[in-house]
Amino acid sequence: MFTINSANAEDPGYYNEPYRNQFHFSPEANWMNDPNGMVFYKGEYHLFYQYHPYGTTWGPMHWGHAVSKDLVNWEHLPIALSPDENGQIFSGSAVIDWNNTAGFGKEAMVAIFTHAGDKQVQSIAYSLDKGRTWEKYKGNPVMPDPPIQDWRDPKVFWHEESNQWVMSLAAKDKIMFYTSPNLKEWEYASEFGEDGGIQANSLDRTSYTMSSQKGESFSYEGDITLNEKNGREGAGGLVFRSDRSAKNGYVASLDAKNDVITLSKNVDGTNEEIERKPFTLKTSTTYHVKVETDGDQIQVSVNDQSVIKKNRYRIRLWILWIVSVEFNGCLSKCGVQEYI
């Protein structure tokens, strides 16, 4: 049996209660925990939160909801999301779908949350009236197959440069990343682990970390962990002297599947291999990768062992020759240095 304690923000004396927070948010009554789905829309700050409306201890999780114009004075709204056949409503986030990618309607407010039942899965719900009423997506859960037991608390944002949604998920001792064009269909991208290094995904693709340094001489280094998933071995690398899109720049890659380390160059989105060296790489092992540029020299080292050393001057001459043919010798106008 649940005990219901009522308290109304509209009641006279609500903020005169002896223990009522004056600046920090508190529910009208009973138990709350993590803030969820914080989003600003049409002059209102929305705060959702883990809420047990029927007691003062942890219980079946709902999403409570309140709005504010100044983050101090709050208007309490009805419970946004309640447990159902898929489980309790654990933590998550909320976004405004400005481009209607999900097809719910123009500027739909979309909640992305963990359904916690027999297993932890990810689901979505949407509102078309500034968050006052909510409809759960009939195709829930949108991510029904957890790779591990603890797989929850999705944080989602729109990534303008890649034109897609990006999600981070807490997965026991690591963070897993997923991408989606429409908030309904999600694809694994990569993960970040407890060792603090870069963890490359292993779905026959490569994960990179990127530096925008373009000076003549600098060093750039990081720890890369190559993981094995579903029998596939991982690959990862460092991108340097690059533009923001990584369509132009240098790449130092470790590939455990083929046991090679490569130095390559991206030119207008096309990858051109400069040099590769055989190197025995083990999965579930962290490698310290360091790139050093000194004038015209580029050196790639792994675990303090020099693996590739290349003269950048030769690369530059080759590019200039191609450009001179392509653009009839107008080298001063071609901006070649942007790609070096």
Protein backbone atom coordinates (compact mmCIF):
# COMPACT_ATOMS: atom_id res chain seq x y z
CA MET A 1 0.00 0.00 0.00
CA PHE A 2 1.29 3.46 -0.94
CA THR A 3 1.07 6.52 1.27
CA ILE A 4 0.19 9.68 -0.67
CA ASN A 5 1.38 12.93 0.85
CA SER A 6 -0.02 15.95 -0.94
CA ALA A 7 1.45 19.42 -1.12
CA ASN A 8 0.57 22.02 -3.70
CA ALA A 9 2.80 24.82 -4.92
CA GLU A 10 -0.33 26.92 -5.30
CA ASP A 11 -1.28 26.43 -1.66
CA PRO A 12 -0.89 29.52 0.56
CA GLY A 13 2.23 29.18 2.64
CA TYR A 14 3.85 26.60 0.35
CA TYR A 15 7.21 28.39 0.43
CA ASN A 16 6.80 29.16 4.12
CA GLU A 17 7.09 25.49 5.11
CA PRO A 18 9.95 25.12 7.63
CA TYR A 19 12.04 22.84 5.41
CA ARG A 20 10.92 23.95 1.95
CA ASN A 21 13.82 24.85 -0.39
CA GLN A 22 13.69 28.48 -1.43
CA PHE A 23 16.15 28.39 -4.34
CA HIS A 24 16.89 24.73 -4.99
CA PHE A 25 14.16 22.77 -6.72
CA SER A 26 12.06 20.32 -4.72
CA PRO A 27 8.95 18.35 -5.73
CA GLU A 28 5.62 19.23 -4.23
CA ALA A 29 5.89 16.10 -2.09
CA ASN A 30 7.70 12.79 -1.72
CA TRP A 31 10.89 11.39 -3.18
CA MET A 32 13.01 12.69 -6.08
CA ASN A 33 16.46 11.97 -7.45
CA ASP A 34 18.36 12.64 -10.71
CA PRO A 35 17.40 15.60 -12.90
CA ASN A 36 16.47 14.44 -16.40
CA GLY A 37 15.61 15.92 -19.78
CA MET A 38 16.62 19.51 -19.11
CA VAL A 39 15.68 21.57 -22.16
CA PHE A 40 14.77 25.19 -22.96
CA TYR A 41 11.85 25.84 -25.31
CA LYS A 42 9.77 28.95 -26.03
CA GLY A 43 10.78 30.88 -22.93
CA GLU A 44 10.59 27.97 -20.48
CA TYR A 45 13.20 25.84 -18.78
CA HIS A 46 11.93 22.26 -18.52
CA LEU A 47 13.10 20.07 -15.67
CA PHE A 48 12.19 16.39 -15.55
CA TYR A 49 13.40 14.27 -12.66
CA GLN A 50 13.38 10.79 -11.19
CA TYR A 51 10.29 10.70 -9.02
CA HIS A 52 8.45 8.35 -6.70
CA PRO A 53 5.10 10.10 -6.22
CA TYR A 54 3.79 7.63 -3.62
CA GLY A 55 6.43 7.66 -0.90
CA THR A 56 9.49 9.29 0.63
CA THR A 57 11.94 6.52 -0.35
CA TRP A 58 13.08 5.11 -3.68
CA GLY A 59 10.24 3.34 -5.46
CA PRO A 60 8.79 2.77 -8.94
CA MET A 61 10.43 5.47 -11.04
CA HIS A 62 8.40 8.09 -12.91
CA TRP A 63 9.45 11.31 -14.61
CA GLY A 64 8.27 14.30 -12.61
CA HIS A 65 8.06 17.59 -14.49
CA ALA A 66 8.29 21.31 -13.76
CA VAL A 67 8.93 24.48 -15.76
CA SER A 68 10.48 27.82 -14.90
CA LYS A 69 11.24 31.13 -16.57
CA ASP A 70 14.15 31.97 -14.27
CA LEU A 71 15.38 28.62 -12.79
CA VAL A 72 14.28 29.77 -9.31
CA ASN A 73 10.50 29.88 -9.38
CA TRP A 74 8.97 26.64 -10.61
CA GLU A 75 5.56 25.61 -11.84
CA HIS A 76 4.83 21.97 -11.11
CA LEU A 77 3.24 20.05 -14.00
CA PRO A 78 1.60 16.60 -14.06
CA ILE A 79 3.84 13.53 -14.15
CA ALA A 80 5.24 13.25 -17.66
CA LEU A 81 6.09 9.53 -17.86
CA SER A 82 4.90 6.59 -15.76
CA PRO A 83 6.01 2.93 -15.64
CA ASP A 84 4.39 0.55 -18.12
CA GLU A 85 4.79 -2.98 -19.47
CA ASN A 86 8.40 -2.22 -20.48
CA GLY A 87 9.41 -1.21 -16.97
CA GLN A 88 10.13 1.80 -14.81
CA ILE A 89 11.19 5.14 -16.30
CA PHE A 90 14.88 5.59 -15.51
CA SER A 91 17.05 8.58 -16.40
CA GLY A 92 17.47 10.14 -19.83
CA SER A 93 17.35 13.40 -21.72
CA ALA A 94 15.05 15.55 -23.87
CA VAL A 95 15.54 17.38 -27.16
CA ILE A 96 13.59 19.59 -29.51
CA ASP A 97 13.32 17.90 -32.90
CA TRP A 98 13.55 21.13 -34.90
CA ASN A 99 13.79 19.33 -38.25
CA ASN A 100 11.07 16.75 -37.49
CA THR A 101 13.52 13.91 -38.09
CA ALA A 102 11.36 11.48 -36.11
CA GLY A 103 8.16 12.45 -37.90
CA PHE A 104 6.23 13.20 -34.71
CA GLY A 105 5.48 16.78 -35.74
CA LYS A 106 7.02 20.20 -36.06
CA GLU A 107 9.27 21.10 -33.10
CA ALA A 108 8.24 18.02 -31.14
CA MET A 109 9.77 17.75 -27.69
CA VAL A 110 11.21 14.23 -27.52
CA ALA A 111 12.23 12.40 -24.34
CA ILE A 112 14.82 9.64 -24.62
CA PHE A 113 14.93 7.41 -21.54
CA THR A 114 15.77 4.00 -20.14
CA HIS A 115 12.95 1.52 -19.64
CA ALA A 116 14.04 -0.66 -16.70
CA GLY A 117 12.18 -3.97 -16.51
CA ASP A 118 13.61 -7.45 -16.98
CA LYS A 119 16.40 -5.69 -18.87
CA GLN A 120 17.44 -2.09 -19.49
CA VAL A 121 16.41 -0.80 -22.91
CA GLN A 122 16.06 2.64 -24.47
CA SER A 123 12.73 4.20 -25.42
CA ILE A 124 11.29 7.53 -26.56
CA ALA A 125 8.19 9.64 -25.99
CA TYR A 126 7.06 12.93 -27.49
CA SER A 127 4.99 16.02 -26.78
CA LEU A 128 3.45 18.49 -29.23
CA ASP A 129 2.11 20.95 -26.64
CA LYS A 130 5.24 22.33 -24.92
CA GLY A 131 5.59 19.25 -22.74
CA ARG A 132 2.14 19.38 -21.16
CA THR A 133 1.05 15.95 -22.41
CA TRP A 134 3.15 13.01 -23.54
CA GLU A 135 2.75 10.08 -25.93
CA LYS A 136 5.08 7.09 -25.78
CA TYR A 137 6.29 5.85 -29.15
CA LYS A 138 4.42 2.73 -30.21
CA GLY A 139 7.64 1.14 -31.47
CA ASN A 140 9.31 1.19 -28.05
CA PRO A 141 11.89 0.16 -27.15
CA VAL A 142 13.91 1.73 -29.95
CA MET A 143 17.08 0.05 -28.61
CA PRO A 144 15.85 -3.36 -27.44
CA ASP A 145 19.08 -5.38 -27.22
CA PRO A 146 21.38 -4.38 -24.36
CA PRO A 147 24.95 -5.66 -24.77
CA ILE A 148 25.35 -5.77 -20.97
CA GLN A 149 23.04 -5.65 -17.97
CA ASP A 150 23.86 -2.06 -16.91
CA TRP A 151 23.03 -0.01 -20.02
CA ARG A 152 21.19 3.19 -19.26
CA ASP A 153 20.81 6.98 -18.94
CA PRO A 154 20.91 8.14 -22.59
CA LYS A 155 22.13 11.68 -23.21
CA VAL A 156 21.26 12.85 -26.74
CA PHE A 157 22.15 15.91 -28.81
CA TRP A 158 22.02 16.96 -32.46
CA HIS A 159 25.43 17.09 -34.15
CA GLU A 160 25.17 19.69 -36.88
CA GLU A 161 28.39 18.85 -38.69
CA SER A 162 27.45 15.19 -39.29
CA ASN A 163 23.72 15.90 -39.56
CA GLN A 164 22.68 13.25 -37.04
CA TRP A 165 21.72 12.60 -33.44
CA VAL A 166 24.45 11.39 -31.07
CA MET A 167 23.75 9.43 -27.89
CA SER A 168 26.03 8.56 -24.99
CA LEU A 169 25.00 5.64 -22.75
CA ALA A 170 26.39 4.61 -19.37
CA ALA A 171 27.47 0.98 -19.74
CA LYS A 172 28.88 -0.24 -16.43
CA ASP A 173 32.52 0.99 -16.51
CA LYS A 174 32.45 2.76 -19.87
CA ILE A 175 30.45 5.14 -22.07
CA MET A 176 29.05 3.83 -25.35
CA PHE A 177 28.18 6.13 -28.26
CA TYR A 178 25.43 5.66 -30.84
CA THR A 179 24.15 7.71 -33.78
CA SER A 180 20.75 8.07 -35.42
CA PRO A 181 19.16 10.05 -38.27
CA ASN A 182 15.69 10.05 -36.64
CA LEU A 183 15.81 9.14 -32.90
CA LYS A 184 14.21 5.76 -33.74
CA GLU A 185 17.01 3.81 -35.43
CA TRP A 186 20.34 3.76 -33.64
CA GLU A 187 23.75 2.48 -34.74
CA TYR A 188 26.74 1.74 -32.51
CA ALA A 189 29.59 4.21 -33.11
CA SER A 190 32.32 3.79 -30.47
CA GLU A 191 33.02 3.72 -26.76
CA PHE A 192 35.18 5.30 -24.10
CA GLY A 193 36.52 3.12 -21.31
CA GLU A 194 37.71 3.20 -17.77
CA ASP A 195 41.38 3.32 -18.78
CA GLY A 196 40.90 6.89 -19.97
CA GLY A 197 42.09 6.09 -23.50
CA ILE A 198 40.49 6.06 -26.92
CA GLN A 199 38.58 2.84 -27.48
CA ALA A 200 38.10 2.07 -31.15
CA ASN A 201 34.97 0.27 -32.24
CA SER A 202 35.53 -3.04 -33.98
CA LEU A 203 32.80 -3.23 -36.59
CA ASP A 204 35.28 -3.07 -39.51
CA ARG A 205 35.51 0.68 -39.02
CA THR A 206 38.03 2.91 -37.30
CA SER A 207 37.57 5.43 -34.47
CA TYR A 208 39.78 8.49 -34.29
CA THR A 209 40.65 11.36 -32.03
CA MET A 210 41.55 14.60 -33.77
CA SER A 211 43.90 17.54 -33.27
CA SER A 212 43.57 20.80 -35.20
CA GLN A 213 47.20 21.83 -34.63
CA LYS A 214 48.81 22.94 -37.89
CA GLY A 215 52.19 24.28 -36.78
CA GLU A 216 55.46 23.23 -38.36
CA SER A 217 56.61 21.45 -35.21
CA PHE A 218 54.46 19.84 -32.52
CA SER A 219 53.72 16.51 -30.87
CA TYR A 220 50.34 14.83 -30.40
CA GLU A 221 49.76 11.66 -28.42
CA GLY A 222 47.07 9.48 -26.90
CA ASP A 223 46.27 6.02 -25.58
CA ILE A 224 44.33 3.74 -27.92
CA THR A 225 42.67 0.53 -26.79
CA LEU A 226 41.79 -1.93 -29.55
CA ASN A 227 38.77 -4.02 -28.58
CA GLU A 228 37.39 -7.21 -30.03
CA LYS A 229 33.63 -7.52 -30.59
CA ASN A 230 31.78 -10.35 -32.28
CA GLY A 231 35.07 -11.80 -33.48
CA ARG A 232 36.15 -8.57 -35.16
CA GLU A 233 39.31 -6.81 -34.09
CA GLY A 234 39.44 -3.06 -33.65
CA ALA A 235 41.22 -0.17 -35.29
CA GLY A 236 41.85 3.37 -34.09
CA GLY A 237 44.10 6.31 -34.68
CA LEU A 238 45.12 9.95 -34.39
CA VAL A 239 44.13 12.62 -36.90
CA PHE A 240 46.38 15.68 -36.98
CA ARG A 241 47.06 18.86 -38.96
CA SER A 242 43.44 18.56 -39.99
CA ASP A 243 40.45 20.73 -40.82
CA ARG A 244 37.29 20.37 -38.68
CA SER A 245 35.66 17.85 -41.00
CA ALA A 246 38.84 15.70 -41.21
CA LYS A 247 38.45 15.71 -45.00
CA ASN A 248 41.96 17.17 -45.17
CA GLY A 249 44.70 16.09 -42.79
CA TYR A 250 47.08 13.34 -41.76
CA VAL A 251 46.07 10.06 -40.10
CA ALA A 252 48.14 7.64 -38.01
CA SER A 253 46.21 4.36 -37.68
CA LEU A 254 46.54 1.12 -35.72
CA ASP A 255 44.75 -1.89 -37.23
CA ALA A 256 44.65 -5.03 -35.09
CA LYS A 257 42.74 -6.98 -37.73
CA ASN A 258 45.59 -6.68 -40.24
CA ASP A 259 48.46 -6.09 -37.77
CA VAL A 260 49.64 -2.90 -39.45
CA ILE A 261 50.34 0.72 -38.60
CA THR A 262 49.77 3.22 -41.37
CA LEU A 263 50.42 6.88 -42.04
CA SER A 264 48.00 8.33 -44.57
CA LYS A 265 46.66 11.64 -45.79
CA ASN A 266 43.12 12.82 -46.46
CA VAL A 267 42.76 15.16 -49.43
CA ASP A 268 39.24 16.45 -50.02
CA GLY A 269 37.80 13.35 -48.36
CA THR A 270 39.94 10.82 -50.22
CA ASN A 271 42.40 8.82 -48.14
CA GLU A 272 45.85 8.31 -49.65
CA GLU A 273 48.22 5.92 -47.92
CA ILE A 274 51.75 7.26 -47.42
CA GLU A 275 53.41 4.34 -45.67
CA ARG A 276 52.48 1.19 -43.79
CA LYS A 277 54.53 -1.02 -41.50
CA PRO A 278 53.69 -4.49 -40.14
CA PHE A 279 53.24 -4.40 -36.39
CA THR A 280 51.78 -7.10 -34.13
CA LEU A 281 48.77 -5.61 -32.33
CA LYS A 282 46.73 -7.36 -29.66
CA THR A 283 43.12 -6.69 -28.79
CA SER A 284 42.15 -5.55 -25.30
CA THR A 285 45.57 -3.91 -25.12
CA THR A 286 46.26 -0.20 -24.75
CA TYR A 287 48.91 1.38 -26.99
CA HIS A 288 50.47 4.78 -26.48
CA VAL A 289 50.62 6.46 -29.88
CA LYS A 290 52.66 9.60 -30.47
CA VAL A 291 52.98 11.74 -33.58
CA GLU A 292 55.87 14.20 -33.83
CA THR A 293 56.40 16.75 -36.58
CA ASP A 294 59.67 18.61 -36.85
CA GLY A 295 59.90 20.76 -39.92
CA ASP A 296 59.46 18.39 -42.84
CA GLN A 297 59.66 15.21 -40.77
CA ILE A 298 56.67 13.23 -39.48
CA GLN A 299 57.36 10.43 -37.01
CA VAL A 300 54.85 7.92 -35.64
CA SER A 301 55.82 6.03 -32.48
CA VAL A 302 53.97 3.29 -30.62
CA ASN A 303 54.88 2.59 -26.99
CA ASP A 304 57.96 4.81 -27.44
CA GLN A 305 59.13 2.74 -30.45
CA SER A 306 59.56 4.66 -33.71
CA VAL A 307 57.56 2.85 -36.39
CA ILE A 308 57.20 5.30 -39.29
CA LYS A 309 59.36 8.29 -40.21
CA LYS A 310 58.48 10.23 -43.32
CA ASN A 311 59.72 13.38 -45.04
CA ARG A 312 56.77 15.71 -45.39
CA TYR A 313 58.61 17.85 -47.96
CA ARG A 314 58.31 15.09 -50.56
CA ILE A 315 54.59 14.83 -49.93
CA ARG A 316 54.20 18.58 -50.39
CA LEU A 317 56.08 18.55 -53.72
CA TRP A 318 53.89 15.75 -55.01
CA ILE A 319 50.74 17.69 -54.11
CA LEU A 320 52.11 20.86 -55.69
CA TRP A 321 52.86 18.96 -58.90
CA ILE A 322 49.34 17.60 -59.06
CA VAL A 323 47.91 21.03 -58.37
CA SER A 324 50.12 22.63 -61.02
CA VAL A 325 48.74 20.25 -63.61
CA GLU A 326 45.17 20.53 -62.40
CA PHE A 327 45.13 24.31 -62.13
CA ASN A 328 47.63 25.21 -64.82
CA GLY A 329 50.35 26.32 -62.43
CA CYS A 330 48.44 28.85 -60.33
CA LEU A 331 50.17 27.72 -57.17
CA SER A 332 49.92 31.03 -55.36
CA LYS A 333 46.14 30.95 -55.59
CA CYS A 334 45.48 27.33 -54.76
CA GLY A 335 45.93 27.38 -50.96
CA VAL A 336 47.95 24.18 -50.92
CA GLN A 337 49.34 24.95 -47.48
CA GLU A 338 45.86 24.49 -46.02
CA TYR A 339 46.21 20.77 -46.58
CA ILE A 340 49.76 20.36 -45.25
